[in-house]
Amino acid sequence: MPCETPPESSRRSIPESTDDWIRLFIKHLELNLADASLSLPANPSYPEIQETSIRTIFQTLLDSGTNTESILETMGQILLEQKPRSTSWNAELNQRRFELIDKEIQETISSEESIELAGLTNLMRNHVDSEENLPMKGAKELHRKLLELDNKDNPL
């Protein structure tokens, strides 16, 4: 019979708030899966079980307060990470994102491509927001000039 509580060593490695959220998520997932399984046939096929499970996970994420856009962006990023190419933002990924945006505008984008677009958008946002994109050289030069001006106007 499985243990009711995890070993003390693993419990200490996870922050309490994270542990609480995960436990609540799993509890809701179990309840949602029990409800969803009522609509399955007596002997469901593997694809039916998969689809029901994925729908249940998605619904449980929504119930937890995660919005649809965040779910799609994360799933898209995970899918991109599974591909054998780089997931560092680059011109190739930017070009692919533009292609998918064009398809979205033309309403010819597939579901898989929509998720890929969400993942690419998330990667692009992370890249743009990262510290490596801060114009530190220019900011440092401006800071130096301002200090020089301040020293000229307010000599000690």
N, C-alpha and C. Protein backbone atom coordinates (compact mmCIF):
# COMPACT_ATOMS: atom_id res chain seq x y z
N MET A 1 0.84 -1.18 0.00
CA MET A 1 0.00 0.00 0.00
C MET A 1 0.88 1.24 0.00
N PRO A 2 0.57 2.25 -0.88
CA PRO A 2 1.40 3.44 -0.95
C PRO A 2 1.36 4.23 0.36
N CYS A 3 2.42 4.92 0.59
CA CYS A 3 2.56 5.75 1.78
C CYS A 3 1.66 6.98 1.67
N GLU A 4 0.97 7.35 2.76
CA GLU A 4 0.08 8.51 2.76
C GLU A 4 0.85 9.83 2.65
N THR A 5 1.99 9.90 3.29
CA THR A 5 2.80 11.12 3.23
C THR A 5 4.16 10.78 2.66
N PRO A 6 4.75 11.74 1.92
CA PRO A 6 6.06 11.46 1.34
C PRO A 6 7.13 11.41 2.41
N PRO A 7 8.25 10.79 2.12
CA PRO A 7 9.35 10.78 3.08
C PRO A 7 9.74 12.21 3.46
N GLU A 8 10.19 12.39 4.68
CA GLU A 8 10.51 13.73 5.19
C GLU A 8 11.55 14.44 4.33
N SER A 9 12.53 13.73 3.79
CA SER A 9 13.59 14.37 3.01
C SER A 9 13.04 15.03 1.75
N SER A 10 12.09 14.41 1.05
CA SER A 10 11.54 15.01 -0.17
C SER A 10 10.59 16.15 0.17
N ARG A 11 9.97 16.09 1.32
CA ARG A 11 9.06 17.15 1.74
C ARG A 11 9.82 18.45 2.04
N ARG A 12 11.02 18.33 2.54
CA ARG A 12 11.83 19.51 2.84
C ARG A 12 12.39 20.16 1.59
N SER A 13 12.50 19.45 0.49
CA SER A 13 13.12 20.01 -0.70
C SER A 13 12.15 20.86 -1.52
N ILE A 14 10.86 20.76 -1.24
CA ILE A 14 9.86 21.53 -1.97
C ILE A 14 9.31 22.60 -1.04
N PRO A 15 9.28 23.88 -1.49
CA PRO A 15 8.69 24.91 -0.64
C PRO A 15 7.25 24.54 -0.27
N GLU A 16 6.85 24.89 0.93
CA GLU A 16 5.54 24.49 1.43
C GLU A 16 4.41 24.98 0.54
N SER A 17 4.50 26.21 0.04
CA SER A 17 3.43 26.73 -0.82
C SER A 17 3.33 25.94 -2.12
N THR A 18 4.48 25.52 -2.65
CA THR A 18 4.50 24.71 -3.87
C THR A 18 3.91 23.33 -3.59
N ASP A 19 4.31 22.75 -2.48
CA ASP A 19 3.79 21.44 -2.09
C ASP A 19 2.27 21.49 -1.94
N ASP A 20 1.77 22.55 -1.29
CA ASP A 20 0.31 22.70 -1.10
C ASP A 20 -0.40 22.81 -2.44
N TRP A 21 0.16 23.63 -3.36
CA TRP A 21 -0.48 23.82 -4.66
C TRP A 21 -0.51 22.51 -5.44
N ILE A 22 0.60 21.79 -5.44
CA ILE A 22 0.67 20.51 -6.17
C ILE A 22 -0.32 19.51 -5.60
N ARG A 23 -0.40 19.42 -4.28
CA ARG A 23 -1.34 18.48 -3.65
C ARG A 23 -2.78 18.84 -4.02
N LEU A 24 -3.11 20.12 -3.98
CA LEU A 24 -4.46 20.55 -4.33
C LEU A 24 -4.75 20.28 -5.80
N PHE A 25 -3.76 20.54 -6.67
CA PHE A 25 -3.92 20.27 -8.09
C PHE A 25 -4.19 18.79 -8.33
N ILE A 26 -3.40 17.93 -7.71
CA ILE A 26 -3.58 16.48 -7.89
C ILE A 26 -4.94 16.03 -7.38
N LYS A 27 -5.38 16.57 -6.26
CA LYS A 27 -6.70 16.23 -5.71
C LYS A 27 -7.79 16.61 -6.72
N HIS A 28 -7.71 17.83 -7.27
CA HIS A 28 -8.70 18.27 -8.26
C HIS A 28 -8.59 17.45 -9.54
N LEU A 29 -7.37 17.10 -9.92
CA LEU A 29 -7.18 16.27 -11.12
C LEU A 29 -7.87 14.92 -10.94
N GLU A 30 -7.69 14.33 -9.78
CA GLU A 30 -8.35 13.04 -9.50
C GLU A 30 -9.87 13.16 -9.56
N LEU A 31 -10.41 14.22 -8.96
CA LEU A 31 -11.86 14.42 -8.98
C LEU A 31 -12.37 14.67 -10.40
N ASN A 32 -11.66 15.51 -11.14
CA ASN A 32 -12.06 15.79 -12.52
C ASN A 32 -11.95 14.55 -13.40
N LEU A 33 -10.91 13.76 -13.18
CA LEU A 33 -10.73 12.53 -13.97
C LEU A 33 -11.83 11.52 -13.65
N ALA A 34 -12.21 11.44 -12.38
CA ALA A 34 -13.31 10.53 -12.01
C ALA A 34 -14.60 10.96 -12.71
N ASP A 35 -14.87 12.27 -12.74
CA ASP A 35 -16.07 12.76 -13.44
C ASP A 35 -15.99 12.50 -14.94
N ALA A 36 -14.83 12.79 -15.53
CA ALA A 36 -14.66 12.63 -16.98
C ALA A 36 -14.73 11.16 -17.39
N SER A 37 -14.27 10.27 -16.54
CA SER A 37 -14.26 8.84 -16.90
C SER A 37 -15.67 8.27 -17.00
N LEU A 38 -16.64 8.94 -16.39
CA LEU A 38 -18.03 8.48 -16.49
C LEU A 38 -18.56 8.52 -17.92
N SER A 39 -17.98 9.40 -18.73
CA SER A 39 -18.44 9.52 -20.12
C SER A 39 -17.70 8.56 -21.07
N LEU A 40 -16.71 7.84 -20.55
CA LEU A 40 -15.99 6.88 -21.39
C LEU A 40 -16.80 5.60 -21.56
N PRO A 41 -16.63 4.92 -22.68
CA PRO A 41 -17.30 3.62 -22.86
C PRO A 41 -16.75 2.59 -21.87
N ALA A 42 -17.41 1.47 -21.74
CA ALA A 42 -17.01 0.43 -20.79
C ALA A 42 -15.58 -0.04 -21.03
N ASN A 43 -15.20 -0.22 -22.27
CA ASN A 43 -13.83 -0.62 -22.62
C ASN A 43 -13.22 0.44 -23.54
N PRO A 44 -12.75 1.53 -22.97
CA PRO A 44 -12.25 2.62 -23.82
C PRO A 44 -10.94 2.24 -24.51
N SER A 45 -10.77 2.81 -25.69
CA SER A 45 -9.51 2.61 -26.42
C SER A 45 -8.44 3.52 -25.81
N TYR A 46 -7.21 3.20 -26.13
CA TYR A 46 -6.11 4.01 -25.62
C TYR A 46 -6.25 5.48 -26.04
N PRO A 47 -6.56 5.76 -27.34
CA PRO A 47 -6.75 7.17 -27.73
C PRO A 47 -7.89 7.86 -26.96
N GLU A 48 -8.95 7.15 -26.64
CA GLU A 48 -10.04 7.74 -25.85
C GLU A 48 -9.58 8.09 -24.44
N ILE A 49 -8.79 7.20 -23.86
CA ILE A 49 -8.25 7.44 -22.52
C ILE A 49 -7.29 8.64 -22.55
N GLN A 50 -6.43 8.68 -23.58
CA GLN A 50 -5.49 9.80 -23.72
C GLN A 50 -6.22 11.12 -23.84
N GLU A 51 -7.19 11.18 -24.74
CA GLU A 51 -7.92 12.44 -24.96
C GLU A 51 -8.64 12.88 -23.69
N THR A 52 -9.29 11.96 -23.01
CA THR A 52 -9.99 12.29 -21.77
C THR A 52 -9.00 12.79 -20.72
N SER A 53 -7.85 12.15 -20.63
CA SER A 53 -6.83 12.57 -19.65
C SER A 53 -6.31 13.96 -19.96
N ILE A 54 -6.01 14.22 -21.21
CA ILE A 54 -5.48 15.53 -21.60
C ILE A 54 -6.53 16.61 -21.36
N ARG A 55 -7.77 16.33 -21.72
CA ARG A 55 -8.85 17.31 -21.47
C ARG A 55 -9.00 17.58 -19.97
N THR A 56 -8.86 16.53 -19.17
CA THR A 56 -8.99 16.67 -17.72
C THR A 56 -7.84 17.50 -17.15
N ILE A 57 -6.64 17.24 -17.62
CA ILE A 57 -5.48 18.02 -17.17
C ILE A 57 -5.67 19.48 -17.54
N PHE A 58 -6.10 19.73 -18.76
CA PHE A 58 -6.33 21.10 -19.23
C PHE A 58 -7.38 21.79 -18.36
N GLN A 59 -8.48 21.11 -18.10
CA GLN A 59 -9.54 21.70 -17.28
C GLN A 59 -9.06 21.95 -15.85
N THR A 60 -8.27 21.04 -15.32
CA THR A 60 -7.74 21.22 -13.96
C THR A 60 -6.79 22.41 -13.91
N LEU A 61 -5.99 22.60 -14.95
CA LEU A 61 -5.12 23.78 -15.01
C LEU A 61 -5.96 25.06 -15.04
N LEU A 62 -7.03 25.05 -15.82
CA LEU A 62 -7.92 26.22 -15.85
C LEU A 62 -8.54 26.46 -14.48
N ASP A 63 -8.98 25.38 -13.84
CA ASP A 63 -9.58 25.49 -12.50
C ASP A 63 -8.58 26.05 -11.48
N SER A 64 -7.29 25.80 -11.71
CA SER A 64 -6.26 26.25 -10.76
C SER A 64 -5.95 27.74 -10.92
N GLY A 65 -6.52 28.36 -11.95
CA GLY A 65 -6.28 29.78 -12.17
C GLY A 65 -5.30 30.06 -13.29
N THR A 66 -4.80 29.03 -13.94
CA THR A 66 -3.89 29.22 -15.07
C THR A 66 -4.74 29.59 -16.28
N ASN A 67 -4.34 30.65 -16.99
CA ASN A 67 -5.16 31.05 -18.14
C ASN A 67 -4.76 30.27 -19.39
N THR A 68 -5.66 30.25 -20.34
CA THR A 68 -5.47 29.47 -21.56
C THR A 68 -4.20 29.88 -22.30
N GLU A 69 -3.94 31.18 -22.39
CA GLU A 69 -2.75 31.65 -23.10
C GLU A 69 -1.48 31.11 -22.46
N SER A 70 -1.40 31.11 -21.14
CA SER A 70 -0.22 30.59 -20.45
C SER A 70 -0.05 29.10 -20.69
N ILE A 71 -1.16 28.37 -20.69
CA ILE A 71 -1.09 26.92 -20.94
C ILE A 71 -0.55 26.67 -22.35
N LEU A 72 -1.10 27.38 -23.33
CA LEU A 72 -0.67 27.18 -24.72
C LEU A 72 0.78 27.60 -24.92
N GLU A 73 1.19 28.72 -24.31
CA GLU A 73 2.57 29.16 -24.45
C GLU A 73 3.53 28.13 -23.85
N THR A 74 3.17 27.62 -22.69
CA THR A 74 4.04 26.63 -22.04
C THR A 74 4.09 25.34 -22.85
N MET A 75 2.94 24.88 -23.34
CA MET A 75 2.91 23.67 -24.16
C MET A 75 3.72 23.88 -25.44
N GLY A 76 3.58 25.05 -26.05
CA GLY A 76 4.34 25.35 -27.26
C GLY A 76 5.83 25.35 -26.99
N GLN A 77 6.23 25.92 -25.86
CA GLN A 77 7.65 25.94 -25.51
C GLN A 77 8.16 24.54 -25.27
N ILE A 78 7.37 23.71 -24.59
CA ILE A 78 7.77 22.32 -24.35
C ILE A 78 7.93 21.58 -25.67
N LEU A 79 7.00 21.79 -26.60
CA LEU A 79 7.11 21.14 -27.91
C LEU A 79 8.37 21.60 -28.65
N LEU A 80 8.67 22.89 -28.57
CA LEU A 80 9.88 23.40 -29.23
C LEU A 80 11.13 22.78 -28.62
N GLU A 81 11.12 22.59 -27.32
CA GLU A 81 12.28 22.01 -26.64
C GLU A 81 12.49 20.55 -27.04
N GLN A 82 11.45 19.89 -27.52
CA GLN A 82 11.56 18.49 -27.95
C GLN A 82 12.18 18.36 -29.33
N LYS A 83 12.19 19.46 -30.09
CA LYS A 83 12.74 19.42 -31.45
C LYS A 83 14.26 19.53 -31.37
N PRO A 84 14.96 18.96 -32.35
CA PRO A 84 16.42 18.94 -32.29
C PRO A 84 17.09 20.27 -32.63
N ARG A 85 16.36 21.37 -32.70
CA ARG A 85 17.01 22.64 -32.99
C ARG A 85 17.12 23.49 -31.72
N SER A 86 17.81 24.57 -31.83
CA SER A 86 18.06 25.43 -30.68
C SER A 86 16.77 26.12 -30.23
N THR A 87 16.62 26.28 -28.91
CA THR A 87 15.48 27.03 -28.39
C THR A 87 15.92 28.40 -27.91
N SER A 88 17.16 28.80 -28.23
CA SER A 88 17.58 30.17 -27.98
C SER A 88 17.02 31.01 -29.11
N TRP A 89 16.52 32.19 -28.76
CA TRP A 89 15.87 33.03 -29.77
C TRP A 89 16.89 33.42 -30.83
N ASN A 90 16.49 33.25 -32.10
CA ASN A 90 17.38 33.57 -33.21
C ASN A 90 16.54 33.97 -34.42
N ALA A 91 17.21 34.35 -35.49
CA ALA A 91 16.53 34.83 -36.70
C ALA A 91 15.65 33.74 -37.32
N GLU A 92 16.09 32.49 -37.25
CA GLU A 92 15.30 31.38 -37.82
C GLU A 92 13.97 31.22 -37.08
N LEU A 93 14.02 31.26 -35.75
CA LEU A 93 12.78 31.15 -34.96
C LEU A 93 11.89 32.37 -35.18
N ASN A 94 12.50 33.53 -35.32
CA ASN A 94 11.73 34.75 -35.58
C ASN A 94 11.01 34.65 -36.93
N GLN A 95 11.71 34.14 -37.94
CA GLN A 95 11.11 33.97 -39.27
C GLN A 95 9.95 32.97 -39.21
N ARG A 96 10.15 31.87 -38.47
CA ARG A 96 9.08 30.87 -38.32
C ARG A 96 7.86 31.49 -37.64
N ARG A 97 8.10 32.32 -36.62
CA ARG A 97 7.00 32.99 -35.92
C ARG A 97 6.23 33.88 -36.88
N PHE A 98 6.95 34.64 -37.73
CA PHE A 98 6.27 35.48 -38.73
C PHE A 98 5.42 34.64 -39.69
N GLU A 99 5.95 33.50 -40.13
CA GLU A 99 5.20 32.61 -41.02
C GLU A 99 3.91 32.14 -40.36
N LEU A 100 4.01 31.78 -39.08
CA LEU A 100 2.82 31.30 -38.36
C LEU A 100 1.83 32.44 -38.12
N ILE A 101 2.32 33.63 -37.88
CA ILE A 101 1.42 34.78 -37.71
C ILE A 101 0.67 35.03 -39.01
N ASP A 102 1.37 34.93 -40.15
CA ASP A 102 0.71 35.08 -41.45
C ASP A 102 -0.40 34.04 -41.62
N LYS A 103 -0.10 32.79 -41.25
CA LYS A 103 -1.11 31.73 -41.35
C LYS A 103 -2.29 32.01 -40.43
N GLU A 104 -2.00 32.54 -39.25
CA GLU A 104 -3.07 32.86 -38.31
C GLU A 104 -3.98 33.96 -38.89
N ILE A 105 -3.37 34.97 -39.48
CA ILE A 105 -4.13 36.07 -40.09
C ILE A 105 -4.98 35.55 -41.24
N GLN A 106 -4.42 34.65 -42.04
CA GLN A 106 -5.13 34.07 -43.18
C GLN A 106 -6.11 32.97 -42.77
N GLU A 107 -6.11 32.66 -41.47
CA GLU A 107 -6.98 31.62 -40.90
C GLU A 107 -6.73 30.26 -41.52
N THR A 108 -5.44 29.96 -41.79
CA THR A 108 -5.07 28.65 -42.33
C THR A 108 -4.15 27.91 -41.37
N ILE A 109 -4.03 28.39 -40.15
CA ILE A 109 -3.12 27.80 -39.17
C ILE A 109 -3.76 26.56 -38.55
N SER A 110 -2.98 25.50 -38.40
CA SER A 110 -3.47 24.28 -37.76
C SER A 110 -3.39 24.41 -36.24
N SER A 111 -4.01 23.48 -35.54
CA SER A 111 -3.95 23.49 -34.07
C SER A 111 -2.52 23.34 -33.59
N GLU A 112 -1.78 22.43 -34.19
CA GLU A 112 -0.38 22.22 -33.80
C GLU A 112 0.45 23.48 -34.04
N GLU A 113 0.19 24.14 -35.17
CA GLU A 113 0.92 25.37 -35.47
C GLU A 113 0.54 26.49 -34.50
N SER A 114 -0.71 26.52 -34.05
CA SER A 114 -1.13 27.53 -33.07
C SER A 114 -0.37 27.36 -31.76
N ILE A 115 -0.19 26.12 -31.37
CA ILE A 115 0.57 25.84 -30.14
C ILE A 115 2.04 26.20 -30.36
N GLU A 116 2.58 25.88 -31.54
CA GLU A 116 3.96 26.25 -31.85
C GLU A 116 4.12 27.77 -31.82
N LEU A 117 3.15 28.49 -32.38
CA LEU A 117 3.19 29.96 -32.37
C LEU A 117 3.17 30.49 -30.94
N ALA A 118 2.34 29.91 -30.10
CA ALA A 118 2.29 30.32 -28.70
C ALA A 118 3.65 30.10 -28.02
N GLY A 119 4.27 28.96 -28.31
CA GLY A 119 5.58 28.67 -27.74
C GLY A 119 6.65 29.62 -28.25
N LEU A 120 6.62 29.91 -29.55
CA LEU A 120 7.58 30.85 -30.11
C LEU A 120 7.38 32.25 -29.54
N THR A 121 6.13 32.64 -29.35
CA THR A 121 5.83 33.94 -28.77
C THR A 121 6.37 34.01 -27.35
N ASN A 122 6.20 32.94 -26.60
CA ASN A 122 6.72 32.90 -25.23
C ASN A 122 8.25 33.00 -25.22
N LEU A 123 8.92 32.26 -26.11
CA LEU A 123 10.38 32.33 -26.22
C LEU A 123 10.83 33.75 -26.57
N MET A 124 10.12 34.38 -27.52
CA MET A 124 10.47 35.72 -27.94
C MET A 124 10.30 36.70 -26.78
N ARG A 125 9.19 36.59 -26.04
CA ARG A 125 8.97 37.48 -24.89
C ARG A 125 10.06 37.29 -23.82
N ASN A 126 10.40 36.04 -23.55
CA ASN A 126 11.46 35.78 -22.57
C ASN A 126 12.78 36.38 -23.02
N HIS A 127 13.06 36.27 -24.32
CA HIS A 127 14.29 36.82 -24.87
C HIS A 127 14.30 38.34 -24.76
N VAL A 128 13.20 38.97 -25.15
CA VAL A 128 13.11 40.43 -25.11
C VAL A 128 13.21 40.94 -23.67
N ASP A 129 12.62 40.22 -22.73
CA ASP A 129 12.61 40.64 -21.33
C ASP A 129 13.89 40.27 -20.58
N SER A 130 14.77 39.49 -21.21
CA SER A 130 15.97 39.03 -20.50
C SER A 130 16.99 40.15 -20.33
N GLU A 131 17.84 39.97 -19.36
CA GLU A 131 18.87 40.97 -19.07
C GLU A 131 19.86 41.14 -20.21
N GLU A 132 20.04 40.10 -21.02
CA GLU A 132 21.01 40.19 -22.11
C GLU A 132 20.59 41.23 -23.15
N ASN A 133 19.32 41.64 -23.13
CA ASN A 133 18.84 42.63 -24.09
C ASN A 133 18.81 44.04 -23.53
N LEU A 134 19.19 44.20 -22.29
CA LEU A 134 19.23 45.54 -21.73
C LEU A 134 20.40 46.31 -22.35
N PRO A 135 20.16 47.53 -22.77
CA PRO A 135 21.24 48.31 -23.39
C PRO A 135 22.18 48.86 -22.32
N MET A 136 22.93 47.98 -21.67
CA MET A 136 23.77 48.36 -20.54
C MET A 136 24.89 49.32 -20.95
N LYS A 137 25.48 49.11 -22.11
CA LYS A 137 26.59 49.97 -22.53
C LYS A 137 26.10 51.41 -22.62
N GLY A 138 24.98 51.62 -23.29
CA GLY A 138 24.42 52.96 -23.43
C GLY A 138 23.97 53.53 -22.10
N ALA A 139 23.38 52.69 -21.25
CA ALA A 139 22.91 53.14 -19.94
C ALA A 139 24.09 53.55 -19.07
N LYS A 140 25.18 52.77 -19.12
CA LYS A 140 26.37 53.11 -18.33
C LYS A 140 26.99 54.43 -18.82
N GLU A 141 27.03 54.63 -20.12
CA GLU A 141 27.57 55.87 -20.68
C GLU A 141 26.72 57.07 -20.26
N LEU A 142 25.40 56.92 -20.32
CA LEU A 142 24.50 57.98 -19.88
C LEU A 142 24.70 58.26 -18.39
N HIS A 143 24.83 57.23 -17.60
CA HIS A 143 25.05 57.38 -16.16
C HIS A 143 26.36 58.14 -15.89
N ARG A 144 27.41 57.80 -16.62
CA ARG A 144 28.69 58.47 -16.47
C ARG A 144 28.56 59.96 -16.80
N LYS A 145 27.88 60.28 -17.91
CA LYS A 145 27.70 61.67 -18.32
C LYS A 145 26.89 62.45 -17.28
N LEU A 146 25.86 61.83 -16.75
CA LEU A 146 25.05 62.49 -15.74
C LEU A 146 25.86 62.76 -14.47
N LEU A 147 26.70 61.82 -14.10
CA LEU A 147 27.57 62.04 -12.94
C LEU A 147 28.54 63.19 -13.19
N GLU A 148 29.09 63.25 -14.41
CA GLU A 148 30.00 64.34 -14.75
C GLU A 148 29.29 65.69 -14.67
N LEU A 149 28.06 65.75 -15.22
CA LEU A 149 27.29 66.99 -15.17
C LEU A 149 26.99 67.38 -13.72
N ASP A 150 26.63 66.39 -12.93
CA ASP A 150 26.30 66.65 -11.52
C ASP A 150 27.53 67.17 -10.80
N ASN A 151 28.70 66.61 -11.08
CA ASN A 151 29.94 67.04 -10.44
C ASN A 151 30.33 68.47 -10.86
N LYS A 152 30.04 68.84 -12.12
CA LYS A 152 30.34 70.19 -12.60
C LYS A 152 29.41 71.21 -11.94
N ASP A 153 28.11 70.83 -11.80
CA ASP A 153 27.12 71.75 -11.23
C ASP A 153 27.20 71.83 -9.71
N ASN A 154 27.64 70.79 -9.07
CA ASN A 154 27.70 70.74 -7.60
C ASN A 154 29.08 70.32 -7.14
N PRO A 155 30.08 71.18 -7.31
CA PRO A 155 31.41 70.76 -6.84
C PRO A 155 31.44 70.69 -5.32
N LEU A 156 32.22 69.78 -4.82
CA LEU A 156 32.33 69.60 -3.38
C LEU A 156 33.16 70.65 -2.82
